[in-house]
N, C-alpha and C. Protein backbone atom coordinates (compact mmCIF):
# COMPACT_ATOMS: atom_id res chain seq x y z
N MET A 1 -86.19 37.39 -54.68
CA MET A 1 -85.03 36.96 -55.43
C MET A 1 -83.93 37.99 -55.31
N GLN A 2 -84.32 39.27 -55.37
CA GLN A 2 -83.33 40.33 -55.30
C GLN A 2 -82.71 40.37 -53.91
N ARG A 3 -83.48 40.05 -52.91
CA ARG A 3 -82.98 40.05 -51.54
C ARG A 3 -81.87 39.02 -51.38
N ASN A 4 -82.03 37.84 -51.97
CA ASN A 4 -81.01 36.80 -51.89
C ASN A 4 -79.72 37.25 -52.55
N SER A 5 -79.83 37.97 -53.66
CA SER A 5 -78.61 38.42 -54.32
C SER A 5 -77.91 39.50 -53.51
N ILE A 6 -78.67 40.33 -52.79
CA ILE A 6 -78.06 41.36 -51.93
C ILE A 6 -77.35 40.71 -50.76
N VAL A 7 -78.00 39.73 -50.15
CA VAL A 7 -77.40 39.01 -49.04
C VAL A 7 -76.15 38.29 -49.51
N GLY A 8 -76.21 37.70 -50.67
CA GLY A 8 -75.06 37.00 -51.22
C GLY A 8 -73.91 37.94 -51.51
N ALA A 9 -74.23 39.12 -52.05
CA ALA A 9 -73.20 40.11 -52.35
C ALA A 9 -72.56 40.62 -51.06
N ALA A 10 -73.38 40.85 -50.04
CA ALA A 10 -72.85 41.33 -48.75
C ALA A 10 -71.97 40.26 -48.13
N LEU A 11 -72.40 39.04 -48.21
CA LEU A 11 -71.61 37.94 -47.67
C LEU A 11 -70.28 37.80 -48.42
N ALA A 12 -70.32 37.92 -49.71
CA ALA A 12 -69.10 37.84 -50.50
C ALA A 12 -68.15 38.99 -50.15
N PHE A 13 -68.70 40.19 -49.92
CA PHE A 13 -67.87 41.33 -49.54
C PHE A 13 -67.22 41.10 -48.18
N LEU A 14 -67.99 40.62 -47.22
CA LEU A 14 -67.45 40.38 -45.88
C LEU A 14 -66.37 39.31 -45.89
N VAL A 15 -66.59 38.26 -46.66
CA VAL A 15 -65.62 37.18 -46.75
C VAL A 15 -64.34 37.68 -47.39
N SER A 16 -64.47 38.44 -48.49
CA SER A 16 -63.27 38.94 -49.14
C SER A 16 -62.55 39.96 -48.26
N ALA A 17 -63.28 40.77 -47.51
CA ALA A 17 -62.66 41.73 -46.60
C ALA A 17 -61.94 40.99 -45.48
N GLY A 18 -62.53 39.91 -45.03
CA GLY A 18 -61.89 39.10 -43.98
C GLY A 18 -60.58 38.52 -44.47
N PHE A 19 -60.55 38.05 -45.72
CA PHE A 19 -59.32 37.50 -46.26
C PHE A 19 -58.27 38.59 -46.42
N ALA A 20 -58.71 39.78 -46.81
CA ALA A 20 -57.77 40.88 -46.97
C ALA A 20 -57.17 41.26 -45.63
N ILE A 21 -57.97 41.28 -44.58
CA ILE A 21 -57.47 41.61 -43.25
C ILE A 21 -56.52 40.52 -42.77
N ALA A 22 -56.89 39.28 -42.98
CA ALA A 22 -56.05 38.18 -42.53
C ALA A 22 -54.72 38.17 -43.25
N GLN A 23 -54.70 38.61 -44.50
CA GLN A 23 -53.46 38.58 -45.26
C GLN A 23 -52.55 39.74 -44.92
N THR A 24 -53.08 40.84 -44.37
CA THR A 24 -52.25 42.00 -44.07
C THR A 24 -51.63 41.93 -42.69
N VAL A 25 -52.05 41.03 -41.84
CA VAL A 25 -51.46 40.90 -40.50
C VAL A 25 -50.12 40.18 -40.63
N PRO A 26 -49.03 40.78 -40.14
CA PRO A 26 -47.73 40.11 -40.26
C PRO A 26 -47.65 38.90 -39.33
N ALA A 27 -46.84 37.97 -39.72
CA ALA A 27 -46.66 36.76 -38.92
C ALA A 27 -45.94 37.13 -37.63
N PRO A 28 -46.30 36.51 -36.51
CA PRO A 28 -45.61 36.80 -35.26
C PRO A 28 -44.15 36.38 -35.34
N GLN A 29 -43.30 37.13 -34.69
CA GLN A 29 -41.87 36.83 -34.71
C GLN A 29 -41.43 36.41 -33.32
N ASN A 30 -40.42 35.60 -33.28
CA ASN A 30 -39.87 35.12 -32.02
C ASN A 30 -39.06 36.23 -31.37
N PRO A 31 -39.48 36.74 -30.20
CA PRO A 31 -38.73 37.83 -29.57
C PRO A 31 -37.37 37.38 -29.05
N LEU A 32 -37.14 36.10 -28.93
CA LEU A 32 -35.87 35.62 -28.41
C LEU A 32 -34.82 35.46 -29.50
N ARG A 33 -35.23 35.53 -30.74
CA ARG A 33 -34.29 35.36 -31.85
C ARG A 33 -33.40 36.60 -31.94
N PRO A 34 -32.08 36.43 -32.01
CA PRO A 34 -31.21 37.58 -32.11
C PRO A 34 -31.43 38.31 -33.43
N GLY A 35 -31.35 39.63 -33.40
CA GLY A 35 -31.51 40.42 -34.61
C GLY A 35 -32.95 40.65 -35.00
N ASN A 36 -33.89 40.35 -34.14
CA ASN A 36 -35.29 40.56 -34.45
C ASN A 36 -35.59 42.05 -34.37
N ALA A 37 -36.09 42.64 -35.43
CA ALA A 37 -36.32 44.07 -35.50
C ALA A 37 -37.49 44.51 -34.64
N ARG A 38 -38.39 43.59 -34.29
CA ARG A 38 -39.59 43.97 -33.54
C ARG A 38 -39.33 44.08 -32.05
N THR A 39 -38.22 43.57 -31.56
CA THR A 39 -37.96 43.64 -30.13
C THR A 39 -37.48 45.03 -29.77
N ALA A 40 -38.01 45.60 -28.70
CA ALA A 40 -37.65 46.94 -28.29
C ALA A 40 -36.36 46.93 -27.48
N THR A 41 -36.14 45.87 -26.71
CA THR A 41 -34.95 45.79 -25.87
C THR A 41 -34.21 44.51 -26.21
N PRO A 42 -32.90 44.50 -26.03
CA PRO A 42 -32.16 43.26 -26.28
C PRO A 42 -32.51 42.22 -25.23
N PRO A 43 -32.33 40.94 -25.55
CA PRO A 43 -32.66 39.90 -24.57
C PRO A 43 -31.81 40.06 -23.32
N ALA A 44 -32.42 39.79 -22.18
CA ALA A 44 -31.73 39.93 -20.90
C ALA A 44 -30.71 38.81 -20.74
N ALA A 45 -29.62 39.14 -20.07
CA ALA A 45 -28.59 38.15 -19.79
C ALA A 45 -29.10 37.19 -18.73
N PRO A 46 -28.72 35.91 -18.79
CA PRO A 46 -29.19 34.97 -17.78
C PRO A 46 -28.69 35.37 -16.40
N GLN A 47 -29.55 35.22 -15.42
CA GLN A 47 -29.19 35.58 -14.06
C GLN A 47 -28.47 34.41 -13.40
N ALA A 48 -27.49 34.76 -12.59
CA ALA A 48 -26.74 33.72 -11.86
C ALA A 48 -27.61 33.20 -10.72
N THR A 49 -27.59 31.90 -10.53
CA THR A 49 -28.35 31.31 -9.44
C THR A 49 -27.50 31.34 -8.18
N PRO A 50 -28.11 31.59 -7.04
CA PRO A 50 -27.33 31.62 -5.80
C PRO A 50 -26.81 30.23 -5.45
N ALA A 51 -25.69 30.21 -4.78
CA ALA A 51 -25.08 28.93 -4.39
C ALA A 51 -25.95 28.26 -3.34
N PRO A 52 -26.18 26.95 -3.46
CA PRO A 52 -27.04 26.25 -2.50
C PRO A 52 -26.33 25.94 -1.19
N SER A 53 -25.16 26.52 -0.95
CA SER A 53 -24.41 26.19 0.26
C SER A 53 -25.10 26.71 1.52
N ALA A 54 -26.03 27.65 1.37
CA ALA A 54 -26.70 28.22 2.53
C ALA A 54 -27.63 27.19 3.18
N GLU A 55 -28.18 26.28 2.39
CA GLU A 55 -29.12 25.30 2.92
C GLU A 55 -28.47 23.93 3.00
N ALA A 56 -28.81 23.20 4.04
CA ALA A 56 -28.31 21.84 4.18
C ALA A 56 -29.11 20.94 3.24
N PRO A 57 -28.50 19.90 2.68
CA PRO A 57 -29.25 19.00 1.80
C PRO A 57 -30.35 18.28 2.58
N LYS A 58 -31.42 18.05 1.87
CA LYS A 58 -32.57 17.38 2.47
C LYS A 58 -32.23 15.92 2.73
N PRO A 59 -32.46 15.42 3.92
CA PRO A 59 -32.12 14.01 4.19
C PRO A 59 -33.05 13.07 3.45
N LYS A 60 -32.50 11.93 3.02
CA LYS A 60 -33.31 10.94 2.33
C LYS A 60 -34.23 10.23 3.33
N ARG A 61 -35.40 9.91 2.85
CA ARG A 61 -36.33 9.17 3.69
C ARG A 61 -35.88 7.72 3.76
N GLN A 62 -35.94 7.15 4.93
CA GLN A 62 -35.51 5.76 5.09
C GLN A 62 -36.50 4.82 4.42
N ARG A 63 -35.96 3.72 3.90
CA ARG A 63 -36.81 2.72 3.24
C ARG A 63 -37.56 1.91 4.29
N SER A 64 -38.77 1.51 3.94
CA SER A 64 -39.60 0.74 4.87
C SER A 64 -39.10 -0.70 4.93
N GLU A 65 -39.62 -1.43 5.88
CA GLU A 65 -39.25 -2.85 6.04
C GLU A 65 -39.62 -3.65 4.80
N ALA A 66 -40.79 -3.36 4.22
CA ALA A 66 -41.24 -4.09 3.02
C ALA A 66 -40.30 -3.79 1.85
N GLN A 67 -39.85 -2.54 1.72
CA GLN A 67 -38.94 -2.19 0.64
C GLN A 67 -37.59 -2.86 0.83
N LEU A 68 -37.11 -2.90 2.05
CA LEU A 68 -35.82 -3.56 2.32
C LEU A 68 -35.91 -5.05 2.05
N ALA A 69 -37.03 -5.67 2.43
CA ALA A 69 -37.21 -7.10 2.17
C ALA A 69 -37.25 -7.36 0.67
N ASN A 70 -37.91 -6.50 -0.08
CA ASN A 70 -37.97 -6.65 -1.53
C ASN A 70 -36.57 -6.49 -2.13
N ASP A 71 -35.80 -5.53 -1.64
CA ASP A 71 -34.43 -5.35 -2.13
C ASP A 71 -33.60 -6.61 -1.91
N ASN A 72 -33.73 -7.21 -0.73
CA ASN A 72 -32.98 -8.43 -0.43
C ASN A 72 -33.40 -9.59 -1.33
N ARG A 73 -34.72 -9.69 -1.59
CA ARG A 73 -35.18 -10.75 -2.49
C ARG A 73 -34.65 -10.54 -3.90
N MET A 74 -34.63 -9.28 -4.36
CA MET A 74 -34.10 -8.99 -5.70
C MET A 74 -32.62 -9.37 -5.80
N ARG A 75 -31.85 -9.06 -4.76
CA ARG A 75 -30.42 -9.42 -4.78
C ARG A 75 -30.25 -10.93 -4.80
N ALA A 76 -31.04 -11.64 -3.98
CA ALA A 76 -30.94 -13.09 -3.92
C ALA A 76 -31.34 -13.72 -5.26
N CYS A 77 -32.39 -13.21 -5.87
CA CYS A 77 -32.83 -13.75 -7.16
C CYS A 77 -31.80 -13.44 -8.25
N GLY A 78 -31.19 -12.28 -8.20
CA GLY A 78 -30.16 -11.93 -9.17
C GLY A 78 -28.96 -12.85 -9.07
N ALA A 79 -28.55 -13.15 -7.83
CA ALA A 79 -27.42 -14.06 -7.62
C ALA A 79 -27.76 -15.47 -8.11
N GLU A 80 -29.01 -15.89 -7.83
CA GLU A 80 -29.44 -17.23 -8.27
C GLU A 80 -29.50 -17.29 -9.79
N TRP A 81 -29.98 -16.23 -10.45
CA TRP A 81 -30.05 -16.20 -11.91
C TRP A 81 -28.65 -16.28 -12.51
N ARG A 82 -27.71 -15.51 -11.98
CA ARG A 82 -26.36 -15.53 -12.53
C ARG A 82 -25.69 -16.89 -12.33
N ALA A 83 -25.97 -17.55 -11.21
CA ALA A 83 -25.37 -18.85 -10.94
C ALA A 83 -25.92 -19.94 -11.86
N ASN A 84 -27.20 -19.86 -12.21
CA ASN A 84 -27.85 -20.92 -12.99
C ASN A 84 -28.37 -20.44 -14.34
N LYS A 85 -27.78 -19.40 -14.89
CA LYS A 85 -28.31 -18.79 -16.11
C LYS A 85 -28.35 -19.77 -17.28
N ALA A 86 -27.31 -20.54 -17.48
CA ALA A 86 -27.28 -21.47 -18.62
C ALA A 86 -28.41 -22.49 -18.53
N ALA A 87 -28.61 -23.06 -17.35
CA ALA A 87 -29.66 -24.07 -17.18
C ALA A 87 -31.05 -23.45 -17.31
N LEU A 88 -31.21 -22.25 -16.76
CA LEU A 88 -32.52 -21.60 -16.81
C LEU A 88 -32.90 -21.18 -18.23
N THR A 89 -31.93 -20.65 -18.98
CA THR A 89 -32.24 -20.27 -20.36
C THR A 89 -32.48 -21.49 -21.24
N ALA A 90 -31.84 -22.62 -20.90
CA ALA A 90 -32.09 -23.86 -21.64
C ALA A 90 -33.53 -24.33 -21.42
N GLN A 91 -34.09 -24.00 -20.26
CA GLN A 91 -35.49 -24.33 -19.97
C GLN A 91 -36.45 -23.35 -20.64
N GLY A 92 -35.90 -22.31 -21.25
CA GLY A 92 -36.74 -21.32 -21.94
C GLY A 92 -37.18 -20.17 -21.05
N LYS A 93 -36.58 -20.02 -19.89
CA LYS A 93 -36.96 -18.93 -18.99
C LYS A 93 -36.13 -17.69 -19.30
N THR A 94 -36.78 -16.57 -19.15
CA THR A 94 -36.08 -15.30 -19.26
C THR A 94 -35.93 -14.73 -17.86
N TRP A 95 -35.12 -13.68 -17.75
CA TRP A 95 -34.92 -13.06 -16.43
C TRP A 95 -36.25 -12.55 -15.88
N ARG A 96 -37.08 -11.98 -16.72
CA ARG A 96 -38.33 -11.41 -16.23
C ARG A 96 -39.25 -12.49 -15.67
N VAL A 97 -39.34 -13.61 -16.34
CA VAL A 97 -40.19 -14.71 -15.86
C VAL A 97 -39.58 -15.30 -14.60
N PHE A 98 -38.27 -15.56 -14.63
CA PHE A 98 -37.61 -16.13 -13.48
C PHE A 98 -37.72 -15.21 -12.26
N ASN A 99 -37.55 -13.91 -12.46
CA ASN A 99 -37.59 -12.96 -11.37
C ASN A 99 -38.94 -12.99 -10.66
N VAL A 100 -40.02 -13.04 -11.41
CA VAL A 100 -41.36 -13.09 -10.81
C VAL A 100 -41.52 -14.36 -9.98
N GLU A 101 -41.11 -15.49 -10.55
CA GLU A 101 -41.25 -16.76 -9.84
C GLU A 101 -40.36 -16.80 -8.59
N CYS A 102 -39.12 -16.33 -8.74
CA CYS A 102 -38.17 -16.37 -7.63
C CYS A 102 -38.63 -15.49 -6.47
N ARG A 103 -39.08 -14.28 -6.78
CA ARG A 103 -39.52 -13.38 -5.71
C ARG A 103 -40.75 -13.91 -5.00
N ALA A 104 -41.66 -14.54 -5.75
CA ALA A 104 -42.85 -15.13 -5.11
C ALA A 104 -42.43 -16.30 -4.21
N ARG A 105 -41.48 -17.10 -4.69
CA ARG A 105 -41.02 -18.25 -3.89
C ARG A 105 -40.32 -17.78 -2.61
N LEU A 106 -39.46 -16.78 -2.71
CA LEU A 106 -38.75 -16.28 -1.54
C LEU A 106 -39.70 -15.59 -0.57
N LYS A 107 -40.69 -14.90 -1.08
CA LYS A 107 -41.67 -14.23 -0.21
C LYS A 107 -42.50 -15.26 0.54
N ALA A 108 -42.85 -16.38 -0.13
CA ALA A 108 -43.61 -17.44 0.53
C ALA A 108 -42.77 -18.11 1.63
N GLN A 109 -41.45 -18.13 1.42
CA GLN A 109 -40.56 -18.70 2.42
C GLN A 109 -40.33 -17.74 3.59
N GLY A 110 -40.77 -16.50 3.44
CA GLY A 110 -40.60 -15.52 4.51
C GLY A 110 -39.26 -14.81 4.46
N ARG A 111 -38.60 -14.85 3.33
CA ARG A 111 -37.32 -14.17 3.19
C ARG A 111 -37.46 -12.83 2.57
């Protein structure tokens, strides 16, 4: 019985010492905040980036045939939607539904 009370007392001491240690550690401060007393040196000034004129711009990759065909179908479907928008919306179609149907129809036609 006495052993349990000694273990309990030791445990209580360690726990209370742990809380005391945890409470004495100061909260970390942001070193980037101006006027911070903990920073040894002032924040460095931003460095200027070199001008990119030394390098030529990277050329864009050309679009594939499938991408170009899809672009053309999108343009054709957009023109068809704008021409018949009143009738299509009266049928309850939205652009998203119409676009899927139109692109499938044009792709089946080989356009």
